[in-house]
Amino acid sequence: MRAIELTAFGDPVTNLRVAELPEPLAPGANEVLIGMEFAPVNFNDLLLIRGTFPQRPALPSPVGNEGAGKVLAVGAGVTHLTVGDRVVPPLYSATWRERMVVAANELFPLPAEVDAKQAAMLRINPPTAALLLSEHGGLKAGDWVIQNAANSGVGLSVIAFAKARGFKTINLVRRVEAIAEVKTAGGDIVLLDNNEVVESISDLTQSGKIHLAIDGVSGESTVRLLQGLSQGGALVSYAFSGGEVSIHTDLRPLLRKAVSLHAFYQARPQYDSQMPTLLREAAEFVRAGKLKPPVAAIYPMSRISEAAQHAIRGGKVLLDLQSAD
């Protein structure tokens, strides 16, 4: 069985290889065998490979934080899944391999209409977006949310969940070309993430209150989100895609505005019970065409170095885990 294996923490381009591993054993009680179809190369995959992520497997090890595949066999006691069902494996289960056995209790069959490539991107970004909206800010229908990295997987998912819950979104992007994409996805206001953006927000929202800011960039972009927040608002940070891990600003205005700051990590145990519901809701968004993150490229396992290079440059990259090339 082929798998992409991490040999040492460090450079994702040079420290990954395609390895032949033993076939998984037949599924035991309450287990299923999955034939993996696609898996993304995510930002957090790159962090894990570099050794800067909370998860650090013993090496050498298969890696991959999410993906999708079809059930090939079921073990004793599994009644809610059948052979042929498409499923999303648990988080951080080393998905970059052809086949894997996992516990069945976390799995559910996806709607037949959900494309395998879109299914592969369901496990991390959509639940993250849903929790970012529900865990902070005390939002009600009609409230405004501001976010940066709005054209990212999390950003597009925030828009989908926000629309379903009746929230309005202000979406900041770093490239002019991304504006149309985010508007097409349903973003209410889409602006370039620069120093002029704060001055225009009040007019564009007709002075509406902005209760929540969602930060996936950090650095100067975080400062702009803080400036845009209304009195008593909350900022929650989930990533540092801008490359900075700190902000430099005068914090005294935040004290006067009573802004609260929060950090988010999806793998915290308190979120586990919400995952099945959020994944089902996200799968329905995909089935209905309300959520469709664009895929920049698909690579076979044999071209993992190229896939890693592409993911580092930017754009959603998928691995085709069944391709013989």
Protein backbone atom coordinates (compact mmCIF):
# COMPACT_ATOMS: atom_id res chain seq x y z
CA MET A 1 0.00 0.00 0.00
CA ARG A 2 1.35 3.42 -0.97
CA ALA A 3 1.49 6.31 1.49
CA ILE A 4 3.22 9.66 1.71
CA GLU A 5 5.63 9.41 4.61
CA LEU A 6 7.41 12.14 6.57
CA THR A 7 11.03 11.19 7.18
CA ALA A 8 12.16 14.17 9.28
CA PHE A 9 10.65 17.42 10.46
CA GLY A 10 11.67 20.30 8.22
CA ASP A 11 11.27 21.25 4.57
CA PRO A 12 7.97 19.91 3.10
CA VAL A 13 9.53 19.82 -0.38
CA THR A 14 12.41 17.50 0.54
CA ASN A 15 11.29 15.58 3.65
CA LEU A 16 8.34 13.67 2.16
CA ARG A 17 8.51 10.44 0.18
CA VAL A 18 6.16 7.86 -1.30
CA ALA A 19 6.58 4.67 0.71
CA GLU A 20 5.25 1.13 0.49
CA LEU A 21 3.58 0.25 3.80
CA PRO A 22 1.89 -2.98 4.93
CA GLU A 23 -1.77 -3.33 4.03
CA PRO A 24 -4.07 -2.46 6.95
CA LEU A 25 -5.65 -5.37 8.78
CA ALA A 26 -9.31 -6.21 8.18
CA PRO A 27 -11.57 -3.89 10.20
CA GLY A 28 -12.40 -5.13 13.66
CA ALA A 29 -15.53 -4.55 15.69
CA ASN A 30 -16.90 -1.02 15.16
CA GLU A 31 -14.25 -0.22 12.56
CA VAL A 32 -14.28 0.40 8.80
CA LEU A 33 -11.71 0.14 6.03
CA ILE A 34 -11.61 3.28 3.88
CA GLY A 35 -10.18 3.60 0.38
CA MET A 36 -8.91 7.18 0.36
CA GLU A 37 -9.71 9.27 -2.71
CA PHE A 38 -8.45 12.83 -2.21
CA ALA A 39 -6.72 14.83 0.52
CA PRO A 40 -5.70 18.50 0.60
CA VAL A 41 -2.27 19.86 1.38
CA ASN A 42 -3.32 22.36 4.02
CA PHE A 43 -1.46 25.13 5.82
CA ASN A 44 -1.59 23.05 9.00
CA ASP A 45 -0.15 20.05 7.11
CA LEU A 46 2.85 22.21 6.23
CA LEU A 47 3.19 23.27 9.87
CA LEU A 48 3.08 19.64 11.03
CA ILE A 49 5.72 18.65 8.46
CA ARG A 50 7.97 21.51 9.62
CA GLY A 51 7.55 20.41 13.23
CA THR A 52 5.80 23.58 14.43
CA PHE A 53 2.30 22.13 14.90
CA PRO A 54 0.87 20.71 18.18
CA GLN A 55 0.68 17.25 16.56
CA ARG A 56 4.11 15.58 16.26
CA PRO A 57 3.99 11.93 15.12
CA ALA A 58 6.87 9.53 15.73
CA LEU A 59 8.90 9.39 12.50
CA PRO A 60 8.92 8.04 9.90
CA SER A 61 5.14 8.34 9.66
CA PRO A 62 2.31 8.83 7.19
CA VAL A 63 0.87 12.32 7.48
CA GLY A 64 -2.22 14.22 6.32
CA ASN A 65 -4.79 15.99 8.47
CA GLU A 66 -7.98 15.50 6.44
CA GLY A 67 -9.40 13.86 3.32
CA ALA A 68 -12.25 11.77 1.99
CA GLY A 69 -12.74 8.23 0.79
CA LYS A 70 -15.17 5.35 0.34
CA VAL A 71 -15.92 2.52 2.73
CA LEU A 72 -14.40 -0.72 1.42
CA ALA A 73 -15.33 -3.02 4.32
CA VAL A 74 -17.13 -2.79 7.67
CA GLY A 75 -16.39 -4.61 10.90
CA ALA A 76 -18.80 -6.27 13.30
CA GLY A 77 -21.36 -4.01 14.87
CA VAL A 78 -21.24 -1.30 12.20
CA THR A 79 -24.80 -0.73 11.03
CA HIS A 80 -24.88 2.95 10.03
CA LEU A 81 -22.38 2.56 7.18
CA THR A 82 -22.25 0.29 4.15
CA VAL A 83 -19.64 -0.50 1.51
CA GLY A 84 -19.54 2.34 -1.02
CA ASP A 85 -20.46 5.15 1.38
CA ARG A 86 -18.24 8.23 1.06
CA VAL A 87 -16.95 9.39 4.45
CA VAL A 88 -14.64 11.94 6.04
CA PRO A 89 -12.01 10.35 8.35
CA PRO A 90 -11.30 11.80 11.80
CA LEU A 91 -9.02 14.79 12.17
CA TYR A 92 -5.25 14.13 12.19
CA SER A 93 -5.57 10.48 11.15
CA ALA A 94 -2.69 10.44 8.59
CA THR A 95 -4.87 10.55 5.49
CA TRP A 96 -2.19 10.68 2.78
CA ARG A 97 -2.35 6.94 2.06
CA GLU A 98 -4.35 4.61 -0.14
CA ARG A 99 -6.25 2.75 2.59
CA MET A 100 -6.81 3.11 6.32
CA VAL A 101 -8.85 1.51 9.12
CA VAL A 102 -10.61 3.90 11.51
CA ALA A 103 -13.25 3.77 14.22
CA ALA A 104 -16.75 3.98 12.77
CA ASN A 105 -18.38 5.96 15.55
CA GLU A 106 -17.20 9.35 14.23
CA LEU A 107 -18.22 8.64 10.64
CA PHE A 108 -21.43 9.20 8.72
CA PRO A 109 -22.30 8.70 5.02
CA LEU A 110 -22.07 11.89 2.98
CA PRO A 111 -24.85 12.72 0.52
CA ALA A 112 -24.25 10.91 -2.76
CA GLU A 113 -24.18 14.23 -4.64
CA VAL A 114 -21.16 15.54 -2.70
CA ASP A 115 -18.10 15.50 -4.96
CA ALA A 116 -15.12 13.60 -3.57
CA LYS A 117 -12.76 16.55 -4.05
CA GLN A 118 -15.05 18.90 -2.12
CA ALA A 119 -15.63 16.22 0.51
CA ALA A 120 -11.88 16.05 1.11
CA MET A 121 -11.97 19.68 2.32
CA LEU A 122 -14.86 19.32 4.77
CA ARG A 123 -13.19 18.27 8.00
CA ILE A 124 -11.13 21.32 8.99
CA ASN A 125 -12.24 24.61 7.44
CA PRO A 126 -16.06 24.46 7.59
CA PRO A 127 -16.31 23.36 11.26
CA THR A 128 -13.66 25.92 12.14
CA ALA A 129 -15.72 28.65 10.49
CA ALA A 130 -18.91 27.56 12.23
CA LEU A 131 -17.24 27.53 15.65
CA LEU A 132 -15.55 30.89 15.08
CA LEU A 133 -19.01 32.37 14.53
CA SER A 134 -20.71 30.64 17.47
CA GLU A 135 -18.13 30.66 20.27
CA HIS A 136 -17.41 34.39 20.51
CA GLY A 137 -19.18 37.69 19.95
CA GLY A 138 -22.69 36.66 21.00
CA LEU A 139 -23.96 37.21 17.45
CA LYS A 140 -27.61 37.61 16.55
CA ALA A 141 -29.29 37.67 13.13
CA GLY A 142 -28.46 40.93 11.37
CA ASP A 143 -25.11 41.46 13.14
CA TRP A 144 -21.92 42.25 11.24
CA VAL A 145 -18.76 40.11 11.21
CA ILE A 146 -15.43 41.28 9.78
CA GLN A 147 -12.76 38.82 8.63
CA ASN A 148 -9.45 38.83 6.79
CA ALA A 149 -8.20 36.00 4.54
CA ALA A 150 -11.77 35.96 3.23
CA ASN A 151 -10.87 33.97 0.09
CA SER A 152 -9.27 31.17 2.13
CA GLY A 153 -11.03 27.91 2.88
CA VAL A 154 -12.04 29.15 6.32
CA GLY A 155 -13.05 32.55 4.92
CA LEU A 156 -15.38 31.11 2.28
CA SER A 157 -16.85 28.77 4.90
CA VAL A 158 -17.43 31.72 7.26
CA ILE A 159 -19.49 33.36 4.52
CA ALA A 160 -21.61 30.23 3.99
CA PHE A 161 -22.32 29.69 7.69
CA ALA A 162 -22.88 33.41 8.28
CA LYS A 163 -25.51 33.60 5.54
CA ALA A 164 -27.27 30.54 6.93
CA ARG A 165 -27.38 32.15 10.38
CA GLY A 166 -28.45 35.59 9.18
CA PHE A 167 -25.15 37.41 9.82
CA LYS A 168 -23.62 39.97 7.44
CA THR A 169 -19.94 39.84 6.48
CA ILE A 170 -17.19 42.36 5.76
CA ASN A 171 -14.47 40.48 3.92
CA LEU A 172 -10.86 41.62 3.54
CA VAL A 173 -8.59 40.11 0.87
CA ARG A 174 -4.97 40.77 -0.07
CA ARG A 175 -5.32 40.50 -3.86
CA VAL A 176 -7.58 42.47 -6.21
CA GLU A 177 -8.29 39.26 -8.16
CA ALA A 178 -9.88 37.69 -5.06
CA ILE A 179 -12.59 40.33 -4.74
CA ALA A 180 -14.87 38.84 -7.42
CA GLU A 181 -14.43 35.32 -6.03
CA VAL A 182 -15.52 36.36 -2.54
CA LYS A 183 -18.46 38.39 -3.86
CA THR A 184 -19.59 35.37 -5.87
CA ALA A 185 -19.41 33.29 -2.69
CA GLY A 186 -21.87 35.68 -1.04
CA GLY A 187 -19.68 38.16 0.84
CA ASP A 188 -21.77 41.26 1.60
CA ILE A 189 -18.84 43.70 1.53
CA VAL A 190 -15.45 42.81 0.01
CA LEU A 191 -12.46 45.15 0.37
CA LEU A 192 -8.72 45.12 -0.09
CA ASP A 193 -6.90 44.59 3.21
CA ASN A 194 -4.95 47.88 3.40
CA ASN A 195 -4.64 50.94 5.62
CA GLU A 196 -7.55 52.76 3.94
CA VAL A 197 -10.11 50.04 4.67
CA VAL A 198 -11.05 51.13 8.21
CA GLU A 199 -12.20 54.57 7.08
CA SER A 200 -14.74 53.11 4.63
CA ILE A 201 -16.25 50.43 6.87
CA SER A 202 -18.59 52.68 8.86
CA ASP A 203 -20.15 54.15 5.72
CA LEU A 204 -20.48 50.80 3.98
CA THR A 205 -22.20 49.18 6.95
CA GLN A 206 -24.35 52.28 7.52
CA SER A 207 -22.70 52.53 10.95
CA GLY A 208 -23.84 49.01 11.87
CA LYS A 209 -22.21 47.37 14.88
CA ILE A 210 -19.37 44.95 14.19
CA HIS A 211 -19.42 42.46 17.05
CA LEU A 212 -16.87 39.89 15.84
CA ALA A 213 -13.55 40.00 13.99
CA ILE A 214 -12.03 36.77 12.64
CA ASP A 215 -8.28 36.82 12.07
CA GLY A 216 -6.37 34.33 9.93
CA VAL A 217 -3.47 36.61 9.00
CA SER A 218 -2.03 38.44 12.07
CA GLY A 219 0.35 41.42 11.94
CA GLU A 220 -0.92 44.70 10.51
CA SER A 221 -4.11 43.04 9.29
CA THR A 222 -5.03 42.21 12.89
CA VAL A 223 -4.63 45.88 13.81
CA ARG A 224 -7.11 46.85 11.10
CA LEU A 225 -9.63 44.30 12.37
CA LEU A 226 -9.30 45.69 15.89
CA GLN A 227 -9.82 49.22 14.62
CA GLY A 228 -12.96 48.13 12.79
CA LEU A 229 -14.56 46.39 15.79
CA SER A 230 -17.37 48.13 17.67
CA GLN A 231 -17.49 48.78 21.40
CA GLY A 232 -17.41 45.51 23.33
CA GLY A 233 -16.53 43.43 20.26
CA ALA A 234 -14.41 40.27 20.18
CA LEU A 235 -11.44 39.32 18.00
CA VAL A 236 -10.63 35.63 17.57
CA SER A 237 -7.42 34.46 15.90
CA TYR A 238 -7.14 31.04 14.22
CA ALA A 239 -4.05 31.26 11.96
CA PHE A 240 -0.98 33.34 11.05
CA SER A 241 -0.96 33.06 7.26
CA GLY A 242 0.68 36.46 6.87
CA GLY A 243 3.86 35.07 8.39
CA GLU A 244 3.80 37.28 11.50
CA VAL A 245 2.95 35.91 14.94
CA SER A 246 2.64 39.22 16.78
CA ILE A 247 0.98 42.61 16.39
CA HIS A 248 2.44 46.05 17.04
CA THR A 249 -0.10 48.68 18.02
CA ASP A 250 -1.19 50.99 20.81
CA LEU A 251 -3.43 48.83 23.01
CA ARG A 252 -4.96 51.73 24.98
CA PRO A 253 -7.87 52.22 22.52
CA LEU A 254 -8.76 48.52 23.02
CA LEU A 255 -9.17 49.15 26.74
CA ARG A 256 -11.56 52.01 26.06
CA LYS A 257 -13.50 49.91 23.56
CA ALA A 258 -13.56 46.90 25.91
CA VAL A 259 -12.46 44.60 23.08
CA SER A 260 -11.73 40.98 24.03
CA LEU A 261 -9.06 38.83 22.36
CA HIS A 262 -9.33 35.05 21.85
CA ALA A 263 -7.32 32.22 20.27
CA PHE A 264 -9.05 29.30 18.50
CA TYR A 265 -7.89 25.70 17.98
CA GLN A 266 -10.44 23.26 16.59
CA ALA A 267 -8.98 20.13 18.22
CA ARG A 268 -9.92 21.22 21.74
CA PRO A 269 -12.08 18.53 23.39
CA GLN A 270 -14.97 20.90 24.16
CA TYR A 271 -15.80 21.06 20.45
CA ASP A 272 -15.98 17.29 19.86
CA SER A 273 -19.70 16.95 20.52
CA GLN A 274 -20.53 19.63 17.93
CA MET A 275 -18.54 18.08 15.08
CA PRO A 276 -21.11 15.63 13.67
CA THR A 277 -23.77 18.35 13.37
CA LEU A 278 -21.37 20.89 11.86
CA LEU A 279 -19.99 18.39 9.34
CA ARG A 280 -23.49 17.42 8.25
CA GLU A 281 -24.41 21.09 7.82
CA ALA A 282 -21.24 21.74 5.81
CA ALA A 283 -21.88 18.68 3.62
CA GLU A 284 -25.36 20.01 2.89
CA PHE A 285 -23.87 23.39 1.90
CA VAL A 286 -21.59 21.58 -0.55
CA ARG A 287 -24.43 19.44 -1.90
CA ALA A 288 -26.59 22.54 -2.45
CA GLY A 289 -23.77 24.50 -4.10
CA LYS A 290 -23.57 27.05 -1.26
CA LEU A 291 -19.95 26.17 -0.49
CA LYS A 292 -17.46 25.27 -3.20
CA PRO A 293 -13.86 26.28 -2.45
CA PRO A 294 -11.87 26.45 -5.69
CA VAL A 295 -9.16 23.84 -6.27
CA ALA A 296 -5.98 25.22 -7.81
CA ALA A 297 -4.38 21.88 -8.74
CA ILE A 298 -4.51 18.12 -8.19
CA TYR A 299 -1.32 16.04 -7.95
CA PRO A 300 -0.71 12.28 -7.76
CA MET A 301 1.24 11.00 -4.77
CA SER A 302 4.33 10.56 -6.93
CA ARG A 303 4.54 14.36 -7.31
CA ILE A 304 4.31 15.22 -3.63
CA SER A 305 7.30 17.59 -3.81
CA GLU A 306 5.58 19.64 -6.53
CA ALA A 307 2.33 19.59 -4.57
CA ALA A 308 4.12 20.90 -1.48
CA GLN A 309 5.82 23.64 -3.49
CA HIS A 310 2.46 24.69 -4.94
CA ALA A 311 0.80 24.72 -1.50
CA ILE A 312 3.61 26.91 -0.14
CA ARG A 313 3.10 29.40 -3.01
CA GLY A 314 -0.63 29.48 -2.31
CA GLY A 315 -3.87 28.01 -3.65
CA LYS A 316 -5.78 24.91 -2.61
CA VAL A 317 -3.87 21.79 -3.62
CA LEU A 318 -5.30 18.25 -3.52
CA LEU A 319 -3.57 14.88 -3.65
CA ASP A 320 -5.16 12.17 -5.79
CA LEU A 321 -4.58 9.15 -3.58
CA GLN A 322 -5.81 6.61 -6.14
CA SER A 323 -3.84 7.80 -9.16
CA ALA A 324 -1.29 5.28 -10.42
CA ASP A 325 0.85 8.05 -11.97
